[in-house]
Amino acid sequence: MIESVNSKLKDIATLTHYVHVTGVLKNEFVEFDFSIGDPNLYVELVLPFLQFKSFCKKYNVEELTLEQEKALALDKLKWRYGNFK
């Protein structure tokens, strides 16, 4: 069982880690979405600027491209309002 968990953790480490900055609070904190492997599945986080920089370095993150941001926004609209054509 433990070997299985360790194997899965190693698999996760090989996936791309993404951040999408969504805002700044009080000129002190960065609001961002963090995802592993799939930008559509993310957690919303808030960190002070210096900790955000360290977080990004530690996890070797990539910022979403403009195309990925557009696709993510479209996906959010589909979830909120359903498919539209």
Protein backbone atom coordinates (compact mmCIF):
# COMPACT_ATOMS: atom_id res chain seq x y z
CA MET A 1 0.00 0.00 0.00
CA ILE A 2 2.72 2.50 0.96
CA GLU A 3 4.67 1.63 -2.18
CA SER A 4 1.54 2.35 -4.23
CA VAL A 5 1.14 5.77 -2.60
CA ASN A 6 4.82 6.59 -3.12
CA SER A 7 4.54 5.55 -6.76
CA LYS A 8 1.53 7.83 -7.29
CA LEU A 9 3.33 10.74 -5.61
CA LYS A 10 6.28 10.27 -7.98
CA ASP A 11 3.84 10.26 -10.91
CA ILE A 12 2.32 13.54 -9.70
CA ALA A 13 5.77 15.09 -9.41
CA THR A 14 6.34 14.47 -13.12
CA LEU A 15 3.18 16.32 -14.15
CA THR A 16 3.22 20.02 -15.03
CA HIS A 17 2.25 22.32 -12.16
CA TYR A 18 0.36 25.46 -13.18
CA VAL A 19 -0.51 28.78 -11.58
CA HIS A 20 -3.02 31.31 -12.79
CA VAL A 21 -2.85 34.61 -10.91
CA THR A 22 -6.38 35.87 -10.37
CA GLY A 23 -5.82 38.91 -8.19
CA VAL A 24 -3.85 40.92 -5.66
CA LEU A 25 -5.15 41.78 -2.19
CA LYS A 26 -4.09 44.94 -0.36
CA ASN A 27 -0.84 45.04 -2.37
CA GLU A 28 0.39 42.24 -0.07
CA PHE A 29 -1.15 38.97 -1.20
CA VAL A 30 -1.39 37.05 -4.46
CA GLU A 31 -4.65 35.22 -5.24
CA PHE A 32 -4.08 32.34 -7.62
CA ASP A 33 -5.32 29.01 -8.90
CA PHE A 34 -2.93 26.07 -8.56
CA SER A 35 -3.30 22.93 -10.63
CA ILE A 36 -1.34 19.78 -11.32
CA GLY A 37 -1.53 18.22 -14.77
CA ASP A 38 -4.89 19.70 -15.79
CA PRO A 39 -5.50 23.47 -15.51
CA ASN A 40 -9.27 22.82 -15.32
CA LEU A 41 -8.91 21.12 -11.93
CA TYR A 42 -7.46 23.59 -9.45
CA VAL A 43 -7.51 24.93 -5.92
CA GLU A 44 -7.75 28.62 -5.12
CA LEU A 45 -4.94 29.86 -2.89
CA VAL A 46 -3.73 33.12 -1.36
CA LEU A 47 -0.12 33.76 -0.30
CA PRO A 48 2.01 36.79 0.54
CA PHE A 49 4.19 37.84 -2.41
CA LEU A 50 7.45 36.34 -1.13
CA GLN A 51 5.84 33.03 -0.22
CA PHE A 52 4.14 32.93 -3.64
CA LYS A 53 7.51 33.36 -5.31
CA SER A 54 8.98 30.56 -3.17
CA PHE A 55 5.96 28.34 -3.86
CA CYS A 56 6.37 28.79 -7.61
CA LYS A 57 10.06 27.99 -7.43
CA LYS A 58 9.56 24.95 -5.20
CA TYR A 59 6.96 23.41 -7.50
CA ASN A 60 8.58 24.59 -10.74
CA VAL A 61 5.26 26.02 -11.89
CA GLU A 62 4.29 27.32 -15.30
CA GLU A 63 1.92 30.21 -15.76
CA LEU A 64 -1.05 29.45 -17.97
CA THR A 65 -0.70 30.58 -21.55
CA LEU A 66 -3.25 32.99 -22.99
CA GLU A 67 -4.83 30.08 -24.88
CA GLN A 68 -5.10 28.03 -21.67
CA GLU A 69 -6.64 31.00 -19.84
CA LYS A 70 -9.24 31.40 -22.61
CA ALA A 71 -10.07 27.68 -22.56
CA LEU A 72 -10.40 27.78 -18.78
CA ALA A 73 -12.72 30.80 -18.92
CA LEU A 74 -14.86 29.09 -21.57
CA ASP A 75 -15.05 25.94 -19.47
CA LYS A 76 -16.19 27.98 -16.44
CA LEU A 77 -18.93 29.56 -18.56
CA LYS A 78 -20.08 26.13 -19.76
CA TRP A 79 -20.33 24.90 -16.18
CA ARG A 80 -22.24 27.99 -15.12
CA TYR A 81 -24.58 28.38 -18.10
CA GLY A 82 -24.45 25.07 -19.95
CA ASN A 83 -23.33 24.46 -23.53
CA PHE A 84 -23.95 27.36 -25.84
CA LYS A 85 -23.50 27.70 -29.57
